[in-house]
């Protein structure tokens, strides 16, 4: 499963970086975790993208909803838009 979320973070990204570090550290403890990345738009420094990869859909859903994990990722989740952002990986090189 691939989670891809683009979102605005105007101004100083210090709080965002702390939230992402905490969220990715917590998610990385879950079974099925592959990797997570945070990127910043080259042409718009207020635009960010977060990607998380899981071995399968079930691992991703369980990883994102586990009790202690949910507490760790909530500050970050409050920033994210309410749109579909999870995808099934159908090809990989």
PDB file of N, CA and C in Angstrom:
ATOM      1  N   UNK A   1       0.852  -1.171   0.000  1.00  0.00           N
ATOM      2  CA  UNK A   1       0.000   0.000   0.000  1.00  0.00           C
ATOM      3  C   UNK A   1       0.894   1.229   0.000  1.00  0.00           C
ATOM      4  N   UNK A   2       0.458   2.224  -0.710  1.00  0.00           N
ATOM      5  CA  UNK A   2       1.175   3.481  -0.800  1.00  0.00           C
ATOM      6  C   UNK A   2       0.250   4.594  -0.334  1.00  0.00           C
ATOM      7  N   UNK A   3       0.727   5.384   0.610  1.00  0.00           N
ATOM      8  CA  UNK A   3      -0.009   6.548   1.088  1.00  0.00           C
ATOM      9  C   UNK A   3       0.734   7.768   0.552  1.00  0.00           C
ATOM     10  N   UNK A   4       0.038   8.633  -0.156  1.00  0.00           N
ATOM     11  CA  UNK A   4       0.645   9.831  -0.742  1.00  0.00           C
ATOM     12  C   UNK A   4      -0.250  11.014  -0.410  1.00  0.00           C
ATOM     13  N   UNK A   5       0.314  11.994   0.299  1.00  0.00           N
ATOM     14  CA  UNK A   5      -0.471  13.158   0.696  1.00  0.00           C
ATOM     15  C   UNK A   5       0.338  14.416   0.440  1.00  0.00           C
ATOM     16  N   UNK A   6      -0.236  15.330  -0.329  1.00  0.00           N
ATOM     17  CA  UNK A   6       0.363  16.643  -0.536  1.00  0.00           C
ATOM     18  C   UNK A   6      -0.432  17.651   0.288  1.00  0.00           C
ATOM     19  N   UNK A   7       0.284  18.564   0.941  1.00  0.00           N
ATOM     20  CA  UNK A   7      -0.405  19.522   1.801  1.00  0.00           C
ATOM     21  C   UNK A   7       0.444  20.780   1.974  1.00  0.00           C
ATOM     22  N   UNK A   8      -0.212  21.915   2.240  1.00  0.00           N
ATOM     23  CA  UNK A   8       0.513  23.165   2.437  1.00  0.00           C
ATOM     24  C   UNK A   8       1.002  23.304   3.874  1.00  0.00           C
ATOM     25  N   UNK A   9       2.186  23.877   4.024  1.00  0.00           N
ATOM     26  CA  UNK A   9       2.721  24.231   5.337  1.00  0.00           C
ATOM     27  C   UNK A   9       3.360  25.607   5.185  1.00  0.00           C
ATOM     28  N   UNK A  10       2.545  26.660   5.305  1.00  0.00           N
ATOM     29  CA  UNK A  10       3.106  27.995   5.148  1.00  0.00           C
ATOM     30  C   UNK A  10       4.022  28.359   6.313  1.00  0.00           C
ATOM     31  N   UNK A  11       5.084  29.066   5.982  1.00  0.00           N
ATOM     32  CA  UNK A  11       5.981  29.558   7.024  1.00  0.00           C
ATOM     33  C   UNK A  11       6.990  28.538   7.510  1.00  0.00           C
ATOM     34  N   UNK A  12       7.333  28.649   8.761  1.00  0.00           N
ATOM     35  CA  UNK A  12       8.374  27.833   9.394  1.00  0.00           C
ATOM     36  C   UNK A  12       7.939  26.371   9.516  1.00  0.00           C
ATOM     37  N   UNK A  13       8.709  25.428   8.939  1.00  0.00           N
ATOM     38  CA  UNK A  13       8.329  24.020   8.979  1.00  0.00           C
ATOM     39  C   UNK A  13       8.811  23.260  10.215  1.00  0.00           C
ATOM     40  N   UNK A  14       9.333  23.935  11.218  1.00  0.00           N
ATOM     41  CA  UNK A  14       9.917  23.264  12.381  1.00  0.00           C
ATOM     42  C   UNK A  14       8.929  22.309  13.049  1.00  0.00           C
ATOM     43  N   UNK A  15       7.720  22.760  13.297  1.00  0.00           N
ATOM     44  CA  UNK A  15       6.717  21.901  13.948  1.00  0.00           C
ATOM     45  C   UNK A  15       6.375  20.711  13.059  1.00  0.00           C
ATOM     46  N   UNK A  16       6.235  20.953  11.754  1.00  0.00           N
ATOM     47  CA  UNK A  16       5.959  19.858  10.824  1.00  0.00           C
ATOM     48  C   UNK A  16       7.051  18.796  10.890  1.00  0.00           C
ATOM     49  N   UNK A  17       8.294  19.217  10.860  1.00  0.00           N
ATOM     50  CA  UNK A  17       9.400  18.260  10.871  1.00  0.00           C
ATOM     51  C   UNK A  17       9.389  17.409  12.142  1.00  0.00           C
ATOM     52  N   UNK A  18       9.085  18.006  13.270  1.00  0.00           N
ATOM     53  CA  UNK A  18       8.997  17.247  14.518  1.00  0.00           C
ATOM     54  C   UNK A  18       7.839  16.255  14.466  1.00  0.00           C
ATOM     55  N   UNK A  19       6.697  16.681  13.933  1.00  0.00           N
ATOM     56  CA  UNK A  19       5.538  15.790  13.817  1.00  0.00           C
ATOM     57  C   UNK A  19       5.832  14.620  12.879  1.00  0.00           C
ATOM     58  N   UNK A  20       6.481  14.899  11.768  1.00  0.00           N
ATOM     59  CA  UNK A  20       6.820  13.841  10.814  1.00  0.00           C
ATOM     60  C   UNK A  20       7.818  12.866  11.421  1.00  0.00           C
ATOM     61  N   UNK A  21       8.837  13.381  12.095  1.00  0.00           N
ATOM     62  CA  UNK A  21       9.823  12.498  12.739  1.00  0.00           C
ATOM     63  C   UNK A  21       9.142  11.556  13.722  1.00  0.00           C
ATOM     64  N   UNK A  22       8.256  12.087  14.560  1.00  0.00           N
ATOM     65  CA  UNK A  22       7.550  11.260  15.546  1.00  0.00           C
ATOM     66  C   UNK A  22       6.648  10.238  14.861  1.00  0.00           C
ATOM     67  N   UNK A  23       5.916  10.680  13.842  1.00  0.00           N
ATOM     68  CA  UNK A  23       4.990   9.783  13.150  1.00  0.00           C
ATOM     69  C   UNK A  23       5.739   8.664  12.434  1.00  0.00           C
ATOM     70  N   UNK A  24       6.779   9.003  11.691  1.00  0.00           N
ATOM     71  CA  UNK A  24       7.519   7.978  10.945  1.00  0.00           C
ATOM     72  C   UNK A  24       8.234   7.008  11.884  1.00  0.00           C
ATOM     73  N   UNK A  25       8.755   7.502  12.988  1.00  0.00           N
ATOM     74  CA  UNK A  25       9.406   6.607  13.964  1.00  0.00           C
ATOM     75  C   UNK A  25       8.394   5.620  14.530  1.00  0.00           C
ATOM     76  N   UNK A  26       7.195   6.087  14.842  1.00  0.00           N
ATOM     77  CA  UNK A  26       6.159   5.200  15.379  1.00  0.00           C
ATOM     78  C   UNK A  26       5.697   4.206  14.319  1.00  0.00           C
ATOM     79  N   UNK A  27       5.434   4.677  13.111  1.00  0.00           N
ATOM     80  CA  UNK A  27       4.966   3.798  12.040  1.00  0.00           C
ATOM     81  C   UNK A  27       6.010   2.740  11.686  1.00  0.00           C
ATOM     82  N   UNK A  28       7.265   3.097  11.762  1.00  0.00           N
ATOM     83  CA  UNK A  28       8.340   2.157  11.415  1.00  0.00           C
ATOM     84  C   UNK A  28       8.404   0.960  12.356  1.00  0.00           C
ATOM     85  N   UNK A  29       7.735   1.035  13.478  1.00  0.00           N
ATOM     86  CA  UNK A  29       7.730  -0.096  14.419  1.00  0.00           C
ATOM     87  C   UNK A  29       6.681  -1.131  14.058  1.00  0.00           C
ATOM     88  N   UNK A  30       5.811  -0.817  13.117  1.00  0.00           N
ATOM     89  CA  UNK A  30       4.684  -1.688  12.794  1.00  0.00           C
ATOM     90  C   UNK A  30       5.059  -2.746  11.760  1.00  0.00           C
ATOM     91  N   UNK A  31       4.499  -3.945  11.901  1.00  0.00           N
ATOM     92  CA  UNK A  31       4.734  -4.996  10.905  1.00  0.00           C
ATOM     93  C   UNK A  31       4.246  -4.557   9.527  1.00  0.00           C
ATOM     94  N   UNK A  32       5.034  -4.828   8.508  1.00  0.00           N
ATOM     95  CA  UNK A  32       4.663  -4.495   7.144  1.00  0.00           C
ATOM     96  C   UNK A  32       5.145  -3.142   6.672  1.00  0.00           C
ATOM     97  N   UNK A  33       5.746  -2.364   7.560  1.00  0.00           N
ATOM     98  CA  UNK A  33       6.273  -1.055   7.180  1.00  0.00           C
ATOM     99  C   UNK A  33       7.436  -1.239   6.214  1.00  0.00           C
ATOM    100  N   UNK A  34       7.475  -0.432   5.166  1.00  0.00           N
ATOM    101  CA  UNK A  34       8.587  -0.461   4.213  1.00  0.00           C
ATOM    102  C   UNK A  34       9.417   0.811   4.328  1.00  0.00           C
ATOM    103  N   UNK A  35       8.778   1.978   4.127  1.00  0.00           N
ATOM    104  CA  UNK A  35       9.513   3.243   4.216  1.00  0.00           C
ATOM    105  C   UNK A  35       8.552   4.415   4.250  1.00  0.00           C
ATOM    106  N   UNK A  36       9.077   5.545   4.698  1.00  0.00           N
ATOM    107  CA  UNK A  36       8.329   6.793   4.668  1.00  0.00           C
ATOM    108  C   UNK A  36       9.253   7.909   4.235  1.00  0.00           C
ATOM    109  N   UNK A  37       8.706   8.870   3.528  1.00  0.00           N
ATOM    110  CA  UNK A  37       9.507   9.994   3.034  1.00  0.00           C
ATOM    111  C   UNK A  37       8.709  11.287   3.126  1.00  0.00           C
ATOM    112  N   UNK A  38       9.427  12.365   3.377  1.00  0.00           N
ATOM    113  CA  UNK A  38       8.830  13.696   3.359  1.00  0.00           C
ATOM    114  C   UNK A  38       9.567  14.499   2.309  1.00  0.00           C
ATOM    115  N   UNK A  39       8.829  15.162   1.438  1.00  0.00           N
ATOM    116  CA  UNK A  39       9.442  15.988   0.407  1.00  0.00           C
ATOM    117  C   UNK A  39       8.853  17.375   0.395  1.00  0.00           C
ATOM    118  N   UNK A  40       9.614  18.274  -0.188  1.00  0.00           N
ATOM    119  CA  UNK A  40       9.197  19.665  -0.296  1.00  0.00           C
ATOM    120  C   UNK A  40       9.244  20.065  -1.767  1.00  0.00           C
ATOM    121  N   UNK A  41       8.232  20.779  -2.232  1.00  0.00           N
ATOM    122  CA  UNK A  41       8.187  21.192  -3.635  1.00  0.00           C
ATOM    123  C   UNK A  41       9.335  22.137  -3.949  1.00  0.00           C
ATOM    124  N   UNK A  42      10.004  21.880  -5.044  1.00  0.00           N
ATOM    125  CA  UNK A  42      11.135  22.707  -5.456  1.00  0.00           C
ATOM    126  C   UNK A  42      10.680  24.125  -5.794  1.00  0.00           C
ATOM    127  N   UNK A  43       9.533  24.248  -6.437  1.00  0.00           N
ATOM    128  CA  UNK A  43       9.054  25.559  -6.885  1.00  0.00           C
ATOM    129  C   UNK A  43       8.121  26.253  -5.900  1.00  0.00           C
ATOM    130  N   UNK A  44       7.761  25.578  -4.818  1.00  0.00           N
ATOM    131  CA  UNK A  44       6.870  26.171  -3.817  1.00  0.00           C
ATOM    132  C   UNK A  44       7.247  25.633  -2.447  1.00  0.00           C
ATOM    133  N   UNK A  45       8.099  26.325  -1.706  1.00  0.00           N
ATOM    134  CA  UNK A  45       8.590  25.803  -0.419  1.00  0.00           C
ATOM    135  C   UNK A  45       7.520  25.631   0.650  1.00  0.00           C
ATOM    136  N   UNK A  46       6.306  26.133   0.406  1.00  0.00           N
ATOM    137  CA  UNK A  46       5.207  25.928   1.354  1.00  0.00           C
ATOM    138  C   UNK A  46       4.395  24.680   1.032  1.00  0.00           C
ATOM    139  N   UNK A  47       4.778  23.929   0.007  1.00  0.00           N
ATOM    140  CA  UNK A  47       4.041  22.728  -0.422  1.00  0.00           C
ATOM    141  C   UNK A  47       4.886  21.498  -0.109  1.00  0.00           C
ATOM    142  N   UNK A  48       4.305  20.562   0.630  1.00  0.00           N
ATOM    143  CA  UNK A  48       5.014  19.369   1.089  1.00  0.00           C
ATOM    144  C   UNK A  48       4.270  18.119   0.636  1.00  0.00           C
ATOM    145  N   UNK A  49       4.979  16.989   0.599  1.00  0.00           N
ATOM    146  CA  UNK A  49       4.359  15.708   0.286  1.00  0.00           C
ATOM    147  C   UNK A  49       4.925  14.653   1.243  1.00  0.00           C
ATOM    148  N   UNK A  50       4.044  13.830   1.734  1.00  0.00           N
ATOM    149  CA  UNK A  50       4.421  12.719   2.609  1.00  0.00           C
ATOM    150  C   UNK A  50       4.040  11.427   1.908  1.00  0.00           C
ATOM    151  N   UNK A  51       4.974  10.474   1.856  1.00  0.00           N
ATOM    152  CA  UNK A  51       4.665   9.154   1.318  1.00  0.00           C
ATOM    153  C   UNK A  51       5.043   8.099   2.350  1.00  0.00           C
ATOM    154  N   UNK A  52       4.222   7.089   2.454  1.00  0.00           N
ATOM    155  CA  UNK A  52       4.486   5.942   3.319  1.00  0.00           C
ATOM    156  C   UNK A  52       4.194   4.691   2.508  1.00  0.00           C
ATOM    157  N   UNK A  53       5.040   3.698   2.636  1.00  0.00           N
ATOM    158  CA  UNK A  53       4.848   2.463   1.890  1.00  0.00           C
ATOM    159  C   UNK A  53       4.770   1.286   2.852  1.00  0.00           C
ATOM    160  N   UNK A  54       3.816   0.393   2.581  1.00  0.00           N
ATOM    161  CA  UNK A  54       3.579  -0.803   3.380  1.00  0.00           C
ATOM    162  C   UNK A  54       3.609  -2.022   2.461  1.00  0.00           C
ATOM    163  N   UNK A  55       3.875  -3.190   2.996  1.00  0.00           N
ATOM    164  CA  UNK A  55       3.942  -4.390   2.172  1.00  0.00           C
ATOM    165  C   UNK A  55       2.603  -4.746   1.549  1.00  0.00           C
ATOM    166  N   UNK A  56       1.510  -4.420   2.220  1.00  0.00           N
ATOM    167  CA  UNK A  56       0.179  -4.722   1.688  1.00  0.00           C
ATOM    168  C   UNK A  56      -0.854  -3.818   2.359  1.00  0.00           C
ATOM    169  N   UNK A  57      -2.060  -3.845   1.843  1.00  0.00           N
ATOM    170  CA  UNK A  57      -3.131  -2.981   2.345  1.00  0.00           C
ATOM    171  C   UNK A  57      -3.455  -3.266   3.805  1.00  0.00           C
ATOM    172  N   UNK A  58      -3.530  -4.534   4.166  1.00  0.00           N
ATOM    173  CA  UNK A  58      -3.851  -4.895   5.550  1.00  0.00           C
ATOM    174  C   UNK A  58      -2.828  -4.356   6.536  1.00  0.00           C
ATOM    175  N   UNK A  59      -1.543  -4.481   6.204  1.00  0.00           N
ATOM    176  CA  UNK A  59      -0.493  -3.956   7.087  1.00  0.00           C
ATOM    177  C   UNK A  59      -0.607  -2.451   7.242  1.00  0.00           C
ATOM    178  N   UNK A  60      -0.882  -1.778   6.150  1.00  0.00           N
ATOM    179  CA  UNK A  60      -1.016  -0.327   6.205  1.00  0.00           C
ATOM    180  C   UNK A  60      -2.183   0.107   7.058  1.00  0.00           C
ATOM    181  N   UNK A  61      -3.307  -0.525   6.866  1.00  0.00           N
ATOM    182  CA  UNK A  61      -4.493  -0.157   7.667  1.00  0.00           C
ATOM    183  C   UNK A  61      -4.282  -0.452   9.141  1.00  0.00           C
ATOM    184  N   UNK A  62      -3.738  -1.613   9.446  1.00  0.00           N
ATOM    185  CA  UNK A  62      -3.466  -1.942  10.856  1.00  0.00           C
ATOM    186  C   UNK A  62      -2.416  -1.006  11.444  1.00  0.00           C
ATOM    187  N   UNK A  63      -1.400  -0.696  10.656  1.00  0.00           N
ATOM    188  CA  UNK A  63      -0.344   0.195  11.140  1.00  0.00           C
ATOM    189  C   UNK A  63      -0.828   1.590  11.436  1.00  0.00           C
ATOM    190  N   UNK A  64      -1.736   2.085  10.624  1.00  0.00           N
ATOM    191  CA  UNK A  64      -2.235   3.448  10.796  1.00  0.00           C
ATOM    192  C   UNK A  64      -3.293   3.572  11.881  1.00  0.00           C
ATOM    193  N   UNK A  65      -3.899   2.456  12.288  1.00  0.00           N
ATOM    194  CA  UNK A  65      -4.993   2.545  13.254  1.00  0.00           C
ATOM    195  C   UNK A  65      -4.662   1.973  14.627  1.00  0.00           C
ATOM    196  N   UNK A  66      -3.469   1.430  14.818  1.00  0.00           N
ATOM    197  CA  UNK A  66      -3.096   0.886  16.128  1.00  0.00           C
ATOM    198  C   UNK A  66      -3.122   2.010  17.174  1.00  0.00           C
ATOM    199  N   UNK A  67      -3.601   1.708  18.371  1.00  0.00           N
ATOM    200  CA  UNK A  67      -3.819   2.696  19.429  1.00  0.00           C
ATOM    201  C   UNK A  67      -2.664   3.642  19.697  1.00  0.00           C
ATOM    202  N   UNK A  68      -1.506   3.117  20.096  1.00  0.00           N
ATOM    203  CA  UNK A  68      -0.373   3.980  20.424  1.00  0.00           C
ATOM    204  C   UNK A  68       0.164   4.695  19.191  1.00  0.00           C
ATOM    205  N   UNK A  69       0.082   4.052  18.061  1.00  0.00           N
ATOM    206  CA  UNK A  69       0.531   4.678  16.817  1.00  0.00           C
ATOM    207  C   UNK A  69      -0.371   5.857  16.485  1.00  0.00           C
ATOM    208  N   UNK A  70      -1.660   5.660  16.658  1.00  0.00           N
ATOM    209  CA  UNK A  70      -2.615   6.743  16.372  1.00  0.00           C
ATOM    210  C   UNK A  70      -2.307   7.986  17.189  1.00  0.00           C
ATOM    211  N   UNK A  71      -1.943   7.786  18.447  1.00  0.00           N
ATOM    212  CA  UNK A  71      -1.581   8.929  19.293  1.00  0.00           C
ATOM    213  C   UNK A  71      -0.363   9.651  18.744  1.00  0.00           C
ATOM    214  N   UNK A  72       0.615   8.893  18.249  1.00  0.00           N
ATOM    215  CA  UNK A  72       1.849   9.488  17.741  1.00  0.00           C
ATOM    216  C   UNK A  72       1.643  10.226  16.414  1.00  0.00           C
ATOM    217  N   UNK A  73       0.696   9.763  15.601  1.00  0.00           N
ATOM    218  CA  UNK A  73       0.528  10.375  14.285  1.00  0.00           C
ATOM    219  C   UNK A  73      -0.579  11.436  14.231  1.00  0.00           C
ATOM    220  N   UNK A  74      -1.377  11.565  15.291  1.00  0.00           N
ATOM    221  CA  UNK A  74      -2.503  12.513  15.260  1.00  0.00           C
ATOM    222  C   UNK A  74      -2.097  13.957  14.992  1.00  0.00           C
ATOM    223  N   UNK A  75      -1.049  14.498  15.608  1.00  0.00           N
ATOM    224  CA  UNK A  75      -0.696  15.893  15.283  1.00  0.00           C
ATOM    225  C   UNK A  75      -0.444  16.076  13.781  1.00  0.00           C
ATOM    226  N   UNK A  76       0.202  15.119  13.164  1.00  0.00           N
ATOM    227  CA  UNK A  76       0.456  15.196  11.735  1.00  0.00           C
ATOM    228  C   UNK A  76      -0.830  14.996  10.934  1.00  0.00           C
ATOM    229  N   UNK A  77      -1.653  14.050  11.339  1.00  0.00           N
ATOM    230  CA  UNK A  77      -2.887  13.763  10.608  1.00  0.00           C
ATOM    231  C   UNK A  77      -3.820  14.976  10.576  1.00  0.00           C
ATOM    232  N   UNK A  78      -3.771  15.804  11.604  1.00  0.00           N
ATOM    233  CA  UNK A  78      -4.619  17.001  11.635  1.00  0.00           C
ATOM    234  C   UNK A  78      -4.261  17.993  10.536  1.00  0.00           C
ATOM    235  N   UNK A  79      -3.059  17.904   9.993  1.00  0.00           N
ATOM    236  CA  UNK A  79      -2.622  18.793   8.914  1.00  0.00           C
ATOM    237  C   UNK A  79      -3.083  18.323   7.539  1.00  0.00           C
ATOM    238  N   UNK A  80      -3.382  17.043   7.412  1.00  0.00           N
ATOM    239  CA  UNK A  80      -3.603  16.456   6.098  1.00  0.00           C
ATOM    240  C   UNK A  80      -5.007  16.707   5.579  1.00  0.00           C
ATOM    241  N   UNK A  81      -5.141  16.894   4.266  1.00  0.00           N
ATOM    242  CA  UNK A  81      -6.466  17.143   3.686  1.00  0.00           C
ATOM    243  C   UNK A  81      -7.332  15.889   3.746  1.00  0.00           C
ATOM    244  N   UNK A  82      -8.620  16.087   3.744  1.00  0.00           N
ATOM    245  CA  UNK A  82      -9.569  14.977   3.798  1.00  0.00           C
ATOM    246  C   UNK A  82      -9.876  14.506   2.371  1.00  0.00           C
ATOM    247  N   UNK A  83      -8.903  13.823   1.771  1.00  0.00           N
ATOM    248  CA  UNK A  83      -9.070  13.290   0.416  1.00  0.00           C
ATOM    249  C   UNK A  83      -8.499  11.874   0.388  1.00  0.00           C
ATOM    250  N   UNK A  84      -8.893  11.121  -0.617  1.00  0.00           N
ATOM    251  CA  UNK A  84      -8.342   9.775  -0.780  1.00  0.00           C
ATOM    252  C   UNK A  84      -6.853   9.877  -1.028  1.00  0.00           C
ATOM    253  N   UNK A  85      -6.062   9.113  -0.281  1.00  0.00           N
ATOM    254  CA  UNK A  85      -4.618   9.219  -0.442  1.00  0.00           C
ATOM    255  C   UNK A  85      -3.917   7.867  -0.322  1.00  0.00           C
ATOM    256  N   UNK A  86      -4.660   6.781  -0.230  1.00  0.00           N
ATOM    257  CA  UNK A  86      -4.031   5.471  -0.162  1.00  0.00           C
ATOM    258  C   UNK A  86      -4.252   4.742  -1.475  1.00  0.00           C
ATOM    259  N   UNK A  87      -3.209   4.046  -1.911  1.00  0.00           N
ATOM    260  CA  UNK A  87      -3.228   3.381  -3.208  1.00  0.00           C
ATOM    261  C   UNK A  87      -2.677   1.981  -3.081  1.00  0.00           C
ATOM    262  N   UNK A  88      -3.206   1.084  -3.887  1.00  0.00           N
ATOM    263  CA  UNK A  88      -2.658  -0.252  -3.991  1.00  0.00           C
ATOM    264  C   UNK A  88      -1.523  -0.200  -5.004  1.00  0.00           C
ATOM    265  N   UNK A  89      -0.380  -0.757  -4.656  1.00  0.00           N
ATOM    266  CA  UNK A  89       0.747  -0.797  -5.587  1.00  0.00           C
ATOM    267  C   UNK A  89       0.504  -1.933  -6.577  1.00  0.00           C
ATOM    268  N   UNK A  90       0.469  -1.609  -7.856  1.00  0.00           N
ATOM    269  CA  UNK A  90       0.205  -2.621  -8.876  1.00  0.00           C
ATOM    270  C   UNK A  90       1.427  -2.918  -9.746  1.00  0.00           C
ATOM    271  N   UNK A  91       2.405  -2.039  -9.768  1.00  0.00           N
ATOM    272  CA  UNK A  91       3.656  -2.275 -10.487  1.00  0.00           C
ATOM    273  C   UNK A  91       4.790  -1.643  -9.695  1.00  0.00           C
ATOM    274  N   UNK A  92       5.932  -2.282  -9.718  1.00  0.00           N
ATOM    275  CA  UNK A  92       7.108  -1.731  -9.056  1.00  0.00           C
ATOM    276  C   UNK A  92       8.357  -2.196  -9.791  1.00  0.00           C
ATOM    277  N   UNK A  93       9.347  -1.347  -9.866  1.00  0.00           N
ATOM    278  CA  UNK A  93      10.587  -1.710 -10.554  1.00  0.00           C
ATOM    279  C   UNK A  93      11.700  -1.807  -9.528  1.00  0.00           C
TER     280      UNK A  93
END
